[in-house]
Amino acid sequence: HQAFNVKAGEKIVQGMPVALNEDGLIYPCTDPSTQVYLGVAVTDNVNPAYQPQRNFPVEVTVAVEGYMICNWVSNAADLKAGYVVPSGDLLNGRFVKANQSTDATPFIAITPADEANEVIQVLIK
């Protein structure tokens, strides 16, 4: 399970399949063949478990279709949330460097990166 922020204007309810957009926000999934399907919402943003506070927006917990979330790093600036692939390189001999992918892969960056070598969270299916 992982908590995600919801794309502005979208309604997520319990049991709804959700997809990830390039900013790392979730929205209702209607076509897993063209969207980055994450899993099923466990909570919702209609009656959230926690109300928004200052810079902490409403989050929805998703039962993700994956078995692990790892910290990798972006191999280039402006890496979007979505499918990535390992580049084969490591940063400081420790972090896997990720490249953006236009194809579906078992690796989904659930956080975007503005700069190269920025830590990102990657969901591994």
C-alpha atoms as a PDB file:
ATOM      1  CA  HIS A   1       0.000   0.000   0.000  1.00  0.00           C
ATOM      2  CA  GLN A   2       1.190   3.514  -0.814  1.00  0.00           C
ATOM      3  CA  ALA A   3      -0.344   6.962  -0.326  1.00  0.00           C
ATOM      4  CA  PHE A   4      -0.747   9.253  -3.351  1.00  0.00           C
ATOM      5  CA  ASN A   5      -2.079  12.752  -3.946  1.00  0.00           C
ATOM      6  CA  VAL A   6      -5.047  13.075  -6.279  1.00  0.00           C
ATOM      7  CA  LYS A   7      -5.019  15.077  -9.513  1.00  0.00           C
ATOM      8  CA  ALA A   8      -7.021  18.301  -9.112  1.00  0.00           C
ATOM      9  CA  GLY A   9     -10.696  17.933  -9.953  1.00  0.00           C
ATOM     10  CA  GLU A  10     -10.685  14.119  -9.839  1.00  0.00           C
ATOM     11  CA  LYS A  11     -12.854  11.973  -7.585  1.00  0.00           C
ATOM     12  CA  ILE A  12     -11.371   8.748  -6.232  1.00  0.00           C
ATOM     13  CA  VAL A  13     -13.564   6.304  -4.293  1.00  0.00           C
ATOM     14  CA  GLN A  14     -12.739   3.062  -2.498  1.00  0.00           C
ATOM     15  CA  GLY A  15     -12.388   0.140  -4.879  1.00  0.00           C
ATOM     16  CA  MET A  16     -11.651   2.341  -7.913  1.00  0.00           C
ATOM     17  CA  PRO A  17      -8.730   1.377 -10.175  1.00  0.00           C
ATOM     18  CA  VAL A  18      -6.279   4.290 -10.362  1.00  0.00           C
ATOM     19  CA  ALA A  19      -3.578   5.420 -12.782  1.00  0.00           C
ATOM     20  CA  LEU A  20      -0.538   7.665 -12.338  1.00  0.00           C
ATOM     21  CA  ASN A  21       0.049  10.863 -14.310  1.00  0.00           C
ATOM     22  CA  GLU A  22       3.457  12.390 -15.179  1.00  0.00           C
ATOM     23  CA  ASP A  23       3.411  14.593 -12.055  1.00  0.00           C
ATOM     24  CA  GLY A  24       3.007  11.609  -9.710  1.00  0.00           C
ATOM     25  CA  LEU A  25      -0.692  12.311  -9.048  1.00  0.00           C
ATOM     26  CA  ILE A  26      -3.433   9.696  -9.363  1.00  0.00           C
ATOM     27  CA  TYR A  27      -6.705   9.745 -11.286  1.00  0.00           C
ATOM     28  CA  PRO A  28      -9.365   7.144 -12.221  1.00  0.00           C
ATOM     29  CA  CYS A  29      -7.980   4.436 -14.509  1.00  0.00           C
ATOM     30  CA  THR A  30     -10.193   3.749 -17.504  1.00  0.00           C
ATOM     31  CA  ASP A  31      -7.725   2.116 -19.914  1.00  0.00           C
ATOM     32  CA  PRO A  32      -4.742   0.219 -18.449  1.00  0.00           C
ATOM     33  CA  SER A  33      -3.361  -0.342 -21.958  1.00  0.00           C
ATOM     34  CA  THR A  34      -2.691   3.398 -22.392  1.00  0.00           C
ATOM     35  CA  GLN A  35      -2.420   4.565 -18.762  1.00  0.00           C
ATOM     36  CA  VAL A  36       0.074   3.726 -16.016  1.00  0.00           C
ATOM     37  CA  TYR A  37      -2.164   1.491 -13.892  1.00  0.00           C
ATOM     38  CA  LEU A  38      -1.107   1.422 -10.225  1.00  0.00           C
ATOM     39  CA  GLY A  39      -3.740  -0.554  -8.346  1.00  0.00           C
ATOM     40  CA  VAL A  40      -7.006  -0.090  -6.456  1.00  0.00           C
ATOM     41  CA  ALA A  41      -7.904   2.738  -4.058  1.00  0.00           C
ATOM     42  CA  VAL A  42      -8.308   1.602  -0.449  1.00  0.00           C
ATOM     43  CA  THR A  43      -9.371   5.036   0.807  1.00  0.00           C
ATOM     44  CA  ASP A  44     -10.953   7.936  -1.070  1.00  0.00           C
ATOM     45  CA  ASN A  45     -10.855  11.708  -1.365  1.00  0.00           C
ATOM     46  CA  VAL A  46     -14.611  12.087  -0.813  1.00  0.00           C
ATOM     47  CA  ASN A  47     -14.428  11.120   2.875  1.00  0.00           C
ATOM     48  CA  PRO A  48     -10.667  11.198   3.503  1.00  0.00           C
ATOM     49  CA  ALA A  49      -9.132   9.569   6.544  1.00  0.00           C
ATOM     50  CA  TYR A  50      -7.108  12.764   7.141  1.00  0.00           C
ATOM     51  CA  GLN A  51      -8.165  16.291   6.194  1.00  0.00           C
ATOM     52  CA  PRO A  52      -5.726  18.531   4.282  1.00  0.00           C
ATOM     53  CA  GLN A  53      -3.443  20.674   6.425  1.00  0.00           C
ATOM     54  CA  ARG A  54      -1.314  23.587   5.186  1.00  0.00           C
ATOM     55  CA  ASN A  55       1.012  22.016   2.605  1.00  0.00           C
ATOM     56  CA  PHE A  56      -0.288  18.492   3.189  1.00  0.00           C
ATOM     57  CA  PRO A  57      -3.075  17.716   0.689  1.00  0.00           C
ATOM     58  CA  VAL A  58      -5.580  14.876   0.907  1.00  0.00           C
ATOM     59  CA  GLU A  59      -3.967  11.541   0.177  1.00  0.00           C
ATOM     60  CA  VAL A  60      -5.545   8.322  -1.038  1.00  0.00           C
ATOM     61  CA  THR A  61      -4.064   4.969  -0.087  1.00  0.00           C
ATOM     62  CA  VAL A  62      -3.690   2.587  -3.016  1.00  0.00           C
ATOM     63  CA  ALA A  63      -3.186  -1.176  -2.871  1.00  0.00           C
ATOM     64  CA  VAL A  64      -0.508  -1.097  -5.556  1.00  0.00           C
ATOM     65  CA  GLU A  65       0.114  -3.882  -8.029  1.00  0.00           C
ATOM     66  CA  GLY A  66       3.738  -4.395  -7.088  1.00  0.00           C
ATOM     67  CA  TYR A  67       5.834  -6.004  -4.428  1.00  0.00           C
ATOM     68  CA  MET A  68       8.483  -3.421  -3.579  1.00  0.00           C
ATOM     69  CA  ILE A  69       9.293   0.291  -3.656  1.00  0.00           C
ATOM     70  CA  CYS A  70      12.998   1.128  -4.039  1.00  0.00           C
ATOM     71  CA  ASN A  71      14.949   4.375  -4.053  1.00  0.00           C
ATOM     72  CA  TRP A  72      16.668   4.885  -7.413  1.00  0.00           C
ATOM     73  CA  VAL A  73      17.971   8.106  -8.988  1.00  0.00           C
ATOM     74  CA  SER A  74      17.083   9.904 -12.190  1.00  0.00           C
ATOM     75  CA  ASN A  75      19.699   9.546 -14.912  1.00  0.00           C
ATOM     76  CA  ALA A  76      18.643  12.817 -16.542  1.00  0.00           C
ATOM     77  CA  ALA A  77      16.817  16.016 -15.674  1.00  0.00           C
ATOM     78  CA  ASP A  78      13.048  16.226 -16.027  1.00  0.00           C
ATOM     79  CA  LEU A  79      12.220  12.563 -15.414  1.00  0.00           C
ATOM     80  CA  LYS A  80       8.430  12.161 -15.301  1.00  0.00           C
ATOM     81  CA  ALA A  81       6.468   9.786 -13.087  1.00  0.00           C
ATOM     82  CA  GLY A  82       5.730   6.688 -15.129  1.00  0.00           C
ATOM     83  CA  TYR A  83       7.576   3.804 -16.697  1.00  0.00           C
ATOM     84  CA  VAL A  84      11.373   3.708 -16.301  1.00  0.00           C
ATOM     85  CA  VAL A  85      14.185   1.268 -16.996  1.00  0.00           C
ATOM     86  CA  PRO A  86      17.494   0.792 -15.200  1.00  0.00           C
ATOM     87  CA  SER A  87      20.367   2.342 -17.158  1.00  0.00           C
ATOM     88  CA  GLY A  88      22.960  -0.176 -15.975  1.00  0.00           C
ATOM     89  CA  ASP A  89      24.849   2.542 -14.085  1.00  0.00           C
ATOM     90  CA  LEU A  90      25.011   3.281 -10.360  1.00  0.00           C
ATOM     91  CA  LEU A  91      25.350   6.588  -8.531  1.00  0.00           C
ATOM     92  CA  ASN A  92      28.072   6.424  -5.864  1.00  0.00           C
ATOM     93  CA  GLY A  93      28.146   2.655  -6.257  1.00  0.00           C
ATOM     94  CA  ARG A  94      24.762   2.428  -4.534  1.00  0.00           C
ATOM     95  CA  PHE A  95      21.732   3.844  -6.370  1.00  0.00           C
ATOM     96  CA  VAL A  96      20.362   2.408  -9.607  1.00  0.00           C
ATOM     97  CA  LYS A  97      20.094   5.117 -12.263  1.00  0.00           C
ATOM     98  CA  ALA A  98      16.785   5.189 -14.152  1.00  0.00           C
ATOM     99  CA  ASN A  99      15.942   6.288 -17.687  1.00  0.00           C
ATOM    100  CA  GLN A 100      12.432   7.228 -18.835  1.00  0.00           C
ATOM    101  CA  SER A 101      10.674   4.569 -20.920  1.00  0.00           C
ATOM    102  CA  THR A 102       7.921   4.991 -23.485  1.00  0.00           C
ATOM    103  CA  ASP A 103       7.076   1.295 -23.168  1.00  0.00           C
ATOM    104  CA  ALA A 104       5.367  -0.442 -20.261  1.00  0.00           C
ATOM    105  CA  THR A 105       7.974  -1.992 -17.945  1.00  0.00           C
ATOM    106  CA  PRO A 106       7.888  -3.637 -14.509  1.00  0.00           C
ATOM    107  CA  PHE A 107       9.395  -0.409 -13.104  1.00  0.00           C
ATOM    108  CA  ILE A 108       7.240   2.671 -12.390  1.00  0.00           C
ATOM    109  CA  ALA A 109       8.725   5.914 -11.060  1.00  0.00           C
ATOM    110  CA  ILE A 110       6.042   7.092  -8.637  1.00  0.00           C
ATOM    111  CA  THR A 111       7.848  10.370  -7.991  1.00  0.00           C
ATOM    112  CA  PRO A 112       9.147  12.688 -10.738  1.00  0.00           C
ATOM    113  CA  ALA A 113      12.584  14.340 -10.719  1.00  0.00           C
ATOM    114  CA  ASP A 114      13.584  17.833 -11.838  1.00  0.00           C
ATOM    115  CA  GLU A 115      17.338  17.206 -11.868  1.00  0.00           C
ATOM    116  CA  ALA A 116      19.691  14.381 -12.791  1.00  0.00           C
ATOM    117  CA  ASN A 117      20.804  12.209  -9.847  1.00  0.00           C
ATOM    118  CA  GLU A 118      17.691  13.112  -7.846  1.00  0.00           C
ATOM    119  CA  VAL A 119      16.295  10.331  -5.635  1.00  0.00           C
ATOM    120  CA  ILE A 120      13.027   8.867  -6.959  1.00  0.00           C
ATOM    121  CA  GLN A 121      10.768   6.128  -5.649  1.00  0.00           C
ATOM    122  CA  VAL A 122      10.274   3.228  -8.056  1.00  0.00           C
ATOM    123  CA  LEU A 123       7.449   0.700  -7.738  1.00  0.00           C
ATOM    124  CA  ILE A 124       8.608  -2.721  -8.906  1.00  0.00           C
ATOM    125  CA  LYS A 125       5.980  -5.094 -10.271  1.00  0.00           C
END
